[in-house]
C-alpha cells in the first residue's frame, strides 16, 4: 500500500499497514456509508487511530466519503487492487432489469436520476399512467422520490417555503427535517397521499460504485394497495437497484464533489 505516507504513521509502518488493511476489510464488510465508529469497532482499532488512518486512506484514494460525509466507501484504488476478485458489474441493460421487476409487482415502477439537485424521470412504466408528474419534480418534499434527494442535501439547500400540494403534504420545516432523518436512517423513502391523493410510493437509492446516490428506483401505486413502509417492497426494489447503472451524464448526484 505504497500510497500511505509512512512518515505520517508514527514510525510503526508494518502495524499501521495491517491496521489500514483491517479498516478496508471492515468498510468492504459494512458496505457504502459505513460510519467511522462502526469501522473502528469491527476492526478493533481505537477510534482516534482509526479516524486518522481513514483520513489517510481517503487522501490516497483507497476510500471515499459518501456524499453527505456521514461515512466511507471503497475507493477507486481499492477496486483496482481487487482486480479479478471484484464483484460482477451491475447489469447495465436497464430495460431488461426494469422489465423483470415490473413482471413481479402490480405497481408502477419508475427510475429517476438526480442531477444538479433536480429530479428527472429517465424510465417510466409504460403500463401505469403517472398523473401529476410535474408535482414530483417540482415539489421534492411531497414525494418519496424527492425526499431521497432532499435527505442528502444540506438544510440550507432545501426548498422554502414548503408548498402544500395536498392536505397531507408536509409543510412544517421541523417536521420535514425529522422525516428526512428517518429517510436517511432507513435508506428508503415513502409517501402516502402527499403528492396526489389516493397515491402511495416507495423509493430506494440507486448508487454509483463508490457509494454516491445517482438516482432512485420507485414503486408507485394506489393508497391501500401499497404501504409506504412496506419492507418486502423496499427489499425487492433494493435488489433490483443494485443491478442498475445510470450513464455518466445522469450520474451527477447531489454533493457529488464532496
C-alpha atoms as a PDB file:
ATOM      1  CA  UNK A   1       0.000   0.000   0.000  1.00  0.00           C
ATOM      2  CA  UNK A   2       2.606   2.442  -1.215  1.00  0.00           C
ATOM      3  CA  UNK A   3       0.190   5.361  -1.278  1.00  0.00           C
ATOM      4  CA  UNK A   4       0.042   5.568   2.517  1.00  0.00           C
ATOM      5  CA  UNK A   5       2.530   8.170   3.644  1.00  0.00           C
ATOM      6  CA  UNK A   6       4.668   6.310   6.143  1.00  0.00           C
ATOM      7  CA  UNK A   7       6.097   9.479   7.642  1.00  0.00           C
ATOM      8  CA  UNK A   8       2.629  10.218   8.946  1.00  0.00           C
ATOM      9  CA  UNK A   9       2.151   6.815  10.552  1.00  0.00           C
ATOM     10  CA  UNK A  10       4.344   7.430  13.552  1.00  0.00           C
ATOM     11  CA  UNK A  11       7.239   5.158  12.617  1.00  0.00           C
ATOM     12  CA  UNK A  12       5.270   1.918  13.026  1.00  0.00           C
ATOM     13  CA  UNK A  13       4.727   1.181   9.361  1.00  0.00           C
ATOM     14  CA  UNK A  14       4.079  -2.616   9.461  1.00  0.00           C
ATOM     15  CA  UNK A  15       1.434  -2.361  12.182  1.00  0.00           C
ATOM     16  CA  UNK A  16      -0.066   0.734  10.568  1.00  0.00           C
ATOM     17  CA  UNK A  17      -0.406  -1.072   7.243  1.00  0.00           C
ATOM     18  CA  UNK A  18      -2.039  -4.039   8.992  1.00  0.00           C
ATOM     19  CA  UNK A  19      -4.499  -1.688  10.642  1.00  0.00           C
ATOM     20  CA  UNK A  20      -5.183   0.066   7.335  1.00  0.00           C
ATOM     21  CA  UNK A  21      -5.960  -3.274   5.702  1.00  0.00           C
ATOM     22  CA  UNK A  22      -8.263  -4.142   8.595  1.00  0.00           C
ATOM     23  CA  UNK A  23     -10.093  -0.864   8.059  1.00  0.00           C
ATOM     24  CA  UNK A  24     -10.507  -1.600   4.355  1.00  0.00           C
ATOM     25  CA  UNK A  25     -11.876  -5.051   5.174  1.00  0.00           C
ATOM     26  CA  UNK A  26     -14.334  -3.515   7.628  1.00  0.00           C
ATOM     27  CA  UNK A  27     -15.589  -0.991   5.069  1.00  0.00           C
ATOM     28  CA  UNK A  28     -15.992  -3.767   2.491  1.00  0.00           C
ATOM     29  CA  UNK A  29     -17.980  -5.823   5.004  1.00  0.00           C
ATOM     30  CA  UNK A  30     -20.160  -2.968   6.282  1.00  0.00           C
ATOM     31  CA  UNK A  31     -20.857  -1.556   2.810  1.00  0.00           C
ATOM     32  CA  UNK A  32     -21.046   2.014   1.439  1.00  0.00           C
ATOM     33  CA  UNK A  33     -21.807   4.654   4.077  1.00  0.00           C
ATOM     34  CA  UNK A  34     -20.103   2.788   6.938  1.00  0.00           C
ATOM     35  CA  UNK A  35     -19.600   5.124   9.907  1.00  0.00           C
ATOM     36  CA  UNK A  36     -16.133   5.627  11.385  1.00  0.00           C
ATOM     37  CA  UNK A  37     -17.203   4.327  14.805  1.00  0.00           C
ATOM     38  CA  UNK A  38     -18.599   1.137  13.271  1.00  0.00           C
ATOM     39  CA  UNK A  39     -15.456   0.622  11.183  1.00  0.00           C
ATOM     40  CA  UNK A  40     -13.263   1.094  14.261  1.00  0.00           C
ATOM     41  CA  UNK A  41     -15.386  -1.316  16.305  1.00  0.00           C
ATOM     42  CA  UNK A  42     -15.338  -4.044  13.654  1.00  0.00           C
ATOM     43  CA  UNK A  43     -11.583  -3.748  13.111  1.00  0.00           C
ATOM     44  CA  UNK A  44     -10.895  -3.430  16.875  1.00  0.00           C
ATOM     45  CA  UNK A  45      -8.810  -0.319  16.395  1.00  0.00           C
ATOM     46  CA  UNK A  46      -9.037   2.646  18.818  1.00  0.00           C
ATOM     47  CA  UNK A  47     -11.360   5.293  17.318  1.00  0.00           C
ATOM     48  CA  UNK A  48      -8.744   8.071  17.237  1.00  0.00           C
ATOM     49  CA  UNK A  49      -6.253   5.840  15.411  1.00  0.00           C
ATOM     50  CA  UNK A  50      -8.937   4.526  13.081  1.00  0.00           C
ATOM     51  CA  UNK A  51     -10.138   8.006  12.176  1.00  0.00           C
ATOM     52  CA  UNK A  52      -6.570   9.180  11.428  1.00  0.00           C
ATOM     53  CA  UNK A  53      -5.940   6.167   9.181  1.00  0.00           C
ATOM     54  CA  UNK A  54      -9.321   6.547   7.488  1.00  0.00           C
ATOM     55  CA  UNK A  55      -8.436  10.105   6.540  1.00  0.00           C
ATOM     56  CA  UNK A  56      -5.119   8.904   5.077  1.00  0.00           C
ATOM     57  CA  UNK A  57      -6.896   6.188   3.098  1.00  0.00           C
ATOM     58  CA  UNK A  58      -9.305   8.795   1.723  1.00  0.00           C
ATOM     59  CA  UNK A  59      -6.444  11.134   0.812  1.00  0.00           C
ATOM     60  CA  UNK A  60      -4.702   8.320  -1.071  1.00  0.00           C
ATOM     61  CA  UNK A  61      -7.827   7.174  -2.921  1.00  0.00           C
ATOM     62  CA  UNK A  62      -8.305   3.819  -1.184  1.00  0.00           C
ATOM     63  CA  UNK A  63     -11.523   5.082   0.432  1.00  0.00           C
ATOM     64  CA  UNK A  64     -14.012   7.820  -0.402  1.00  0.00           C
ATOM     65  CA  UNK A  65     -16.501   9.665   1.756  1.00  0.00           C
ATOM     66  CA  UNK A  66     -20.155   9.237   0.832  1.00  0.00           C
ATOM     67  CA  UNK A  67     -21.846  12.388  -0.376  1.00  0.00           C
ATOM     68  CA  UNK A  68     -23.260  13.557   2.989  1.00  0.00           C
ATOM     69  CA  UNK A  69     -19.900  12.954   4.729  1.00  0.00           C
ATOM     70  CA  UNK A  70     -21.570  10.554   7.175  1.00  0.00           C
ATOM     71  CA  UNK A  71     -19.465   7.532   6.276  1.00  0.00           C
ATOM     72  CA  UNK A  72     -16.999   5.823   3.962  1.00  0.00           C
ATOM     73  CA  UNK A  73     -16.988   3.577   0.885  1.00  0.00           C
ATOM     74  CA  UNK A  74     -14.268   1.741  -1.028  1.00  0.00           C
ATOM     75  CA  UNK A  75     -12.348   3.996  -3.411  1.00  0.00           C
ATOM     76  CA  UNK A  76     -11.028   3.594  -6.935  1.00  0.00           C
ATOM     77  CA  UNK A  77      -7.590   2.322  -5.909  1.00  0.00           C
ATOM     78  CA  UNK A  78      -9.044  -0.423  -3.716  1.00  0.00           C
ATOM     79  CA  UNK A  79     -11.353  -1.562  -6.510  1.00  0.00           C
ATOM     80  CA  UNK A  80      -8.393  -1.636  -8.899  1.00  0.00           C
ATOM     81  CA  UNK A  81      -6.433  -3.782  -6.432  1.00  0.00           C
ATOM     82  CA  UNK A  82      -9.344  -6.196  -6.211  1.00  0.00           C
ATOM     83  CA  UNK A  83      -8.865  -6.977  -9.912  1.00  0.00           C
ATOM     84  CA  UNK A  84     -10.415 -10.275 -10.923  1.00  0.00           C
ATOM     85  CA  UNK A  85     -11.855 -10.736  -7.470  1.00  0.00           C
ATOM     86  CA  UNK A  86     -14.193  -7.780  -7.866  1.00  0.00           C
ATOM     87  CA  UNK A  87     -17.930  -8.478  -7.932  1.00  0.00           C
ATOM     88  CA  UNK A  88     -19.576  -8.515 -11.343  1.00  0.00           C
ATOM     89  CA  UNK A  89     -20.516  -5.173 -12.850  1.00  0.00           C
ATOM     90  CA  UNK A  90     -24.154  -4.151 -12.389  1.00  0.00           C
ATOM     91  CA  UNK A  91     -26.488  -5.073 -15.217  1.00  0.00           C
ATOM     92  CA  UNK A  92     -26.411  -2.033 -17.484  1.00  0.00           C
ATOM     93  CA  UNK A  93     -29.289  -3.236 -19.659  1.00  0.00           C
ATOM     94  CA  UNK A  94     -31.787  -1.015 -17.944  1.00  0.00           C
ATOM     95  CA  UNK A  95     -34.765  -2.220 -19.928  1.00  0.00           C
ATOM     96  CA  UNK A  96     -34.179  -5.884 -19.077  1.00  0.00           C
ATOM     97  CA  UNK A  97     -33.808  -5.178 -15.357  1.00  0.00           C
ATOM     98  CA  UNK A  98     -36.877  -2.958 -15.168  1.00  0.00           C
ATOM     99  CA  UNK A  99     -38.994  -5.329 -17.240  1.00  0.00           C
ATOM    100  CA  UNK A 100     -38.108  -8.172 -14.887  1.00  0.00           C
ATOM    101  CA  UNK A 101     -39.037  -6.077 -11.850  1.00  0.00           C
ATOM    102  CA  UNK A 102     -42.291  -4.912 -13.414  1.00  0.00           C
ATOM    103  CA  UNK A 103     -43.266  -8.519 -14.081  1.00  0.00           C
ATOM    104  CA  UNK A 104     -43.093  -9.202 -10.328  1.00  0.00           C
ATOM    105  CA  UNK A 105     -45.220  -6.338  -8.976  1.00  0.00           C
ATOM    106  CA  UNK A 106     -48.600  -4.801  -9.628  1.00  0.00           C
ATOM    107  CA  UNK A 107     -47.379  -1.253  -9.086  1.00  0.00           C
ATOM    108  CA  UNK A 108     -45.822   1.220 -11.487  1.00  0.00           C
ATOM    109  CA  UNK A 109     -42.016   1.147 -11.494  1.00  0.00           C
ATOM    110  CA  UNK A 110     -40.043   4.306 -12.253  1.00  0.00           C
ATOM    111  CA  UNK A 111     -36.344   5.134 -12.456  1.00  0.00           C
ATOM    112  CA  UNK A 112     -35.253   8.681 -11.636  1.00  0.00           C
ATOM    113  CA  UNK A 113     -31.877  10.394 -11.775  1.00  0.00           C
ATOM    114  CA  UNK A 114     -30.575  13.204  -9.575  1.00  0.00           C
ATOM    115  CA  UNK A 115     -28.573  15.860 -11.393  1.00  0.00           C
ATOM    116  CA  UNK A 116     -27.869  19.429 -10.269  1.00  0.00           C
ATOM    117  CA  UNK A 117     -30.134  18.853  -7.247  1.00  0.00           C
ATOM    118  CA  UNK A 118     -33.079  18.114  -9.540  1.00  0.00           C
ATOM    119  CA  UNK A 119     -35.189  15.040 -10.227  1.00  0.00           C
ATOM    120  CA  UNK A 120     -35.588  13.686 -13.735  1.00  0.00           C
ATOM    121  CA  UNK A 121     -37.612  10.590 -14.580  1.00  0.00           C
ATOM    122  CA  UNK A 122     -35.488   8.583 -17.002  1.00  0.00           C
ATOM    123  CA  UNK A 123     -37.703   5.484 -17.298  1.00  0.00           C
ATOM    124  CA  UNK A 124     -41.494   5.494 -16.889  1.00  0.00           C
ATOM    125  CA  UNK A 125     -43.665   2.422 -16.507  1.00  0.00           C
ATOM    126  CA  UNK A 126     -45.470   2.017 -19.846  1.00  0.00           C
ATOM    127  CA  UNK A 127     -48.372   0.139 -18.232  1.00  0.00           C
ATOM    128  CA  UNK A 128     -49.115   2.665 -15.475  1.00  0.00           C
ATOM    129  CA  UNK A 129     -50.062   6.230 -16.321  1.00  0.00           C
ATOM    130  CA  UNK A 130     -48.366   8.676 -13.958  1.00  0.00           C
ATOM    131  CA  UNK A 131     -50.578  11.708 -13.498  1.00  0.00           C
ATOM    132  CA  UNK A 132     -49.183  14.792 -11.828  1.00  0.00           C
ATOM    133  CA  UNK A 133     -45.581  14.062 -12.774  1.00  0.00           C
ATOM    134  CA  UNK A 134     -44.700  17.751 -12.585  1.00  0.00           C
ATOM    135  CA  UNK A 135     -45.542  17.782  -8.867  1.00  0.00           C
ATOM    136  CA  UNK A 136     -42.921  15.074  -8.247  1.00  0.00           C
ATOM    137  CA  UNK A 137     -40.184  17.039  -9.991  1.00  0.00           C
ATOM    138  CA  UNK A 138     -41.212  20.499  -8.785  1.00  0.00           C
ATOM    139  CA  UNK A 139     -42.107  19.808  -5.118  1.00  0.00           C
ATOM    140  CA  UNK A 140     -39.467  17.441  -3.801  1.00  0.00           C
ATOM    141  CA  UNK A 141     -40.761  17.474  -0.216  1.00  0.00           C
ATOM    142  CA  UNK A 142     -44.068  15.940  -1.333  1.00  0.00           C
ATOM    143  CA  UNK A 143     -42.775  12.754  -2.977  1.00  0.00           C
ATOM    144  CA  UNK A 144     -40.749   9.706  -1.961  1.00  0.00           C
ATOM    145  CA  UNK A 145     -38.513  10.281  -4.979  1.00  0.00           C
ATOM    146  CA  UNK A 146     -37.860  13.869  -3.903  1.00  0.00           C
ATOM    147  CA  UNK A 147     -37.362  13.046  -0.215  1.00  0.00           C
ATOM    148  CA  UNK A 148     -34.475  10.722  -1.050  1.00  0.00           C
ATOM    149  CA  UNK A 149     -32.765  13.631  -2.805  1.00  0.00           C
ATOM    150  CA  UNK A 150     -33.549  16.194  -0.075  1.00  0.00           C
ATOM    151  CA  UNK A 151     -32.233  13.847   2.635  1.00  0.00           C
ATOM    152  CA  UNK A 152     -28.794  14.123   1.046  1.00  0.00           C
ATOM    153  CA  UNK A 153     -28.768  17.903   0.659  1.00  0.00           C
ATOM    154  CA  UNK A 154     -27.658  20.330   3.381  1.00  0.00           C
ATOM    155  CA  UNK A 155     -30.516  22.051   5.128  1.00  0.00           C
ATOM    156  CA  UNK A 156     -29.819  25.433   3.518  1.00  0.00           C
ATOM    157  CA  UNK A 157     -30.298  23.856   0.063  1.00  0.00           C
ATOM    158  CA  UNK A 158     -33.785  22.579   0.827  1.00  0.00           C
ATOM    159  CA  UNK A 159     -36.742  24.470  -0.682  1.00  0.00           C
ATOM    160  CA  UNK A 160     -38.502  27.196   1.293  1.00  0.00           C
ATOM    161  CA  UNK A 161     -41.364  27.769   1.707  1.00  0.00           C
ATOM    162  CA  UNK A 162     -42.815  24.264   1.526  1.00  0.00           C
ATOM    163  CA  UNK A 163     -45.865  24.300  -0.708  1.00  0.00           C
ATOM    164  CA  UNK A 164     -48.939  22.310   0.297  1.00  0.00           C
ATOM    165  CA  UNK A 165     -49.639  20.067  -2.717  1.00  0.00           C
ATOM    166  CA  UNK A 166     -52.394  18.112  -0.922  1.00  0.00           C
ATOM    167  CA  UNK A 167     -53.852  18.262   2.572  1.00  0.00           C
ATOM    168  CA  UNK A 168     -51.316  15.572   3.565  1.00  0.00           C
ATOM    169  CA  UNK A 169     -48.173  17.328   2.324  1.00  0.00           C
ATOM    170  CA  UNK A 170     -45.566  18.114   4.974  1.00  0.00           C
ATOM    171  CA  UNK A 171     -45.133  21.886   5.097  1.00  0.00           C
ATOM    172  CA  UNK A 172     -43.550  22.404   8.514  1.00  0.00           C
ATOM    173  CA  UNK A 173     -39.723  22.590   8.205  1.00  0.00           C
ATOM    174  CA  UNK A 174     -39.050  20.819  11.513  1.00  0.00           C
ATOM    175  CA  UNK A 175     -41.471  18.015  10.640  1.00  0.00           C
ATOM    176  CA  UNK A 176     -39.802  17.629   7.253  1.00  0.00           C
ATOM    177  CA  UNK A 177     -36.351  17.574   8.880  1.00  0.00           C
ATOM    178  CA  UNK A 178     -37.474  14.713  11.138  1.00  0.00           C
ATOM    179  CA  UNK A 179     -38.925  12.879   8.132  1.00  0.00           C
ATOM    180  CA  UNK A 180     -35.651  13.250   6.222  1.00  0.00           C
ATOM    181  CA  UNK A 181     -33.709  11.862   9.179  1.00  0.00           C
ATOM    182  CA  UNK A 182     -35.937   8.779   9.028  1.00  0.00           C
ATOM    183  CA  UNK A 183     -35.264   8.545   5.292  1.00  0.00           C
ATOM    184  CA  UNK A 184     -31.504   8.599   5.887  1.00  0.00           C
ATOM    185  CA  UNK A 185     -31.743   6.013   8.664  1.00  0.00           C
ATOM    186  CA  UNK A 186     -33.904   3.656   6.580  1.00  0.00           C
ATOM    187  CA  UNK A 187     -32.073   4.385   3.310  1.00  0.00           C
ATOM    188  CA  UNK A 188     -35.542   4.483   1.749  1.00  0.00           C
ATOM    189  CA  UNK A 189     -38.419   6.938   1.456  1.00  0.00           C
ATOM    190  CA  UNK A 190     -42.176   6.714   1.361  1.00  0.00           C
ATOM    191  CA  UNK A 191     -45.174   8.926   0.760  1.00  0.00           C
ATOM    192  CA  UNK A 192     -48.920   8.466   1.137  1.00  0.00           C
ATOM    193  CA  UNK A 193     -51.359  10.975  -0.379  1.00  0.00           C
ATOM    194  CA  UNK A 194     -48.729  13.729  -0.052  1.00  0.00           C
ATOM    195  CA  UNK A 195     -48.159  14.379  -3.746  1.00  0.00           C
ATOM    196  CA  UNK A 196     -51.515  13.159  -5.043  1.00  0.00           C
ATOM    197  CA  UNK A 197     -54.483  11.937  -3.007  1.00  0.00           C
ATOM    198  CA  UNK A 198     -55.042   8.229  -3.493  1.00  0.00           C
ATOM    199  CA  UNK A 199     -51.440   7.501  -4.413  1.00  0.00           C
ATOM    200  CA  UNK A 200     -48.589   5.983  -2.389  1.00  0.00           C
ATOM    201  CA  UNK A 201     -44.935   5.498  -3.306  1.00  0.00           C
ATOM    202  CA  UNK A 202     -41.807   3.768  -2.034  1.00  0.00           C
ATOM    203  CA  UNK A 203     -38.318   4.719  -3.263  1.00  0.00           C
ATOM    204  CA  UNK A 204     -34.788   3.393  -2.691  1.00  0.00           C
ATOM    205  CA  UNK A 205     -31.443   4.808  -3.874  1.00  0.00           C
ATOM    206  CA  UNK A 206     -29.557   3.788  -6.994  1.00  0.00           C
ATOM    207  CA  UNK A 207     -25.866   4.214  -6.174  1.00  0.00           C
ATOM    208  CA  UNK A 208     -22.667   4.584  -8.113  1.00  0.00           C
ATOM    209  CA  UNK A 209     -19.842   2.123  -7.485  1.00  0.00           C
ATOM    210  CA  UNK A 210     -18.283   4.488  -4.928  1.00  0.00           C
ATOM    211  CA  UNK A 211     -21.452   4.780  -2.876  1.00  0.00           C
ATOM    212  CA  UNK A 212     -22.852   8.068  -4.161  1.00  0.00           C
ATOM    213  CA  UNK A 213     -26.575   8.308  -4.800  1.00  0.00           C
ATOM    214  CA  UNK A 214     -27.174   8.870  -8.517  1.00  0.00           C
ATOM    215  CA  UNK A 215     -30.938   8.457  -8.504  1.00  0.00           C
ATOM    216  CA  UNK A 216     -33.654   6.180  -7.238  1.00  0.00           C
ATOM    217  CA  UNK A 217     -35.947   3.305  -8.092  1.00  0.00           C
ATOM    218  CA  UNK A 218     -39.560   3.815  -7.073  1.00  0.00           C
ATOM    219  CA  UNK A 219     -42.784   1.835  -6.882  1.00  0.00           C
ATOM    220  CA  UNK A 220     -45.963   3.923  -7.186  1.00  0.00           C
ATOM    221  CA  UNK A 221     -49.451   2.551  -6.615  1.00  0.00           C
ATOM    222  CA  UNK A 222     -52.884   3.173  -5.136  1.00  0.00           C
ATOM    223  CA  UNK A 223     -53.131   4.033  -1.465  1.00  0.00           C
ATOM    224  CA  UNK A 224     -54.378   0.974   0.385  1.00  0.00           C
ATOM    225  CA  UNK A 225     -52.694  -1.427  -2.006  1.00  0.00           C
ATOM    226  CA  UNK A 226     -49.173  -0.129  -1.368  1.00  0.00           C
ATOM    227  CA  UNK A 227     -47.818   0.851   2.043  1.00  0.00           C
ATOM    228  CA  UNK A 228     -45.050   3.490   2.260  1.00  0.00           C
ATOM    229  CA  UNK A 229     -43.041   1.406   4.762  1.00  0.00           C
ATOM    230  CA  UNK A 230     -43.630  -1.996   3.134  1.00  0.00           C
ATOM    231  CA  UNK A 231     -40.419  -3.890   3.930  1.00  0.00           C
ATOM    232  CA  UNK A 232     -40.931  -6.511   1.237  1.00  0.00           C
ATOM    233  CA  UNK A 233     -41.342  -3.863  -1.452  1.00  0.00           C
ATOM    234  CA  UNK A 234     -38.281  -1.976  -0.196  1.00  0.00           C
ATOM    235  CA  UNK A 235     -36.164  -5.124  -0.220  1.00  0.00           C
ATOM    236  CA  UNK A 236     -37.329  -6.037  -3.719  1.00  0.00           C
ATOM    237  CA  UNK A 237     -36.554  -2.553  -5.014  1.00  0.00           C
ATOM    238  CA  UNK A 238     -33.101  -2.657  -3.389  1.00  0.00           C
ATOM    239  CA  UNK A 239     -32.263  -5.967  -5.041  1.00  0.00           C
ATOM    240  CA  UNK A 240     -33.024  -4.531  -8.476  1.00  0.00           C
ATOM    241  CA  UNK A 241     -31.481  -1.118  -7.742  1.00  0.00           C
ATOM    242  CA  UNK A 242     -28.148  -2.874  -7.129  1.00  0.00           C
ATOM    243  CA  UNK A 243     -28.242  -4.102 -10.743  1.00  0.00           C
ATOM    244  CA  UNK A 244     -28.835  -0.694 -12.281  1.00  0.00           C
ATOM    245  CA  UNK A 245     -26.372   1.868 -13.591  1.00  0.00           C
ATOM    246  CA  UNK A 246     -27.022   5.404 -14.775  1.00  0.00           C
ATOM    247  CA  UNK A 247     -24.947   6.726 -17.708  1.00  0.00           C
ATOM    248  CA  UNK A 248     -22.247   9.228 -16.840  1.00  0.00           C
ATOM    249  CA  UNK A 249     -24.404  12.184 -17.893  1.00  0.00           C
ATOM    250  CA  UNK A 250     -27.085  11.030 -15.444  1.00  0.00           C
ATOM    251  CA  UNK A 251     -24.778  10.145 -12.576  1.00  0.00           C
ATOM    252  CA  UNK A 252     -24.091  13.631 -11.257  1.00  0.00           C
ATOM    253  CA  UNK A 253     -25.527  13.169  -7.823  1.00  0.00           C
ATOM    254  CA  UNK A 254     -26.078  15.929  -5.241  1.00  0.00           C
ATOM    255  CA  UNK A 255     -22.887  16.993  -3.471  1.00  0.00           C
ATOM    256  CA  UNK A 256     -21.030  14.755  -5.902  1.00  0.00           C
ATOM    257  CA  UNK A 257     -17.769  16.604  -5.323  1.00  0.00           C
ATOM    258  CA  UNK A 258     -17.806  16.418  -1.538  1.00  0.00           C
END
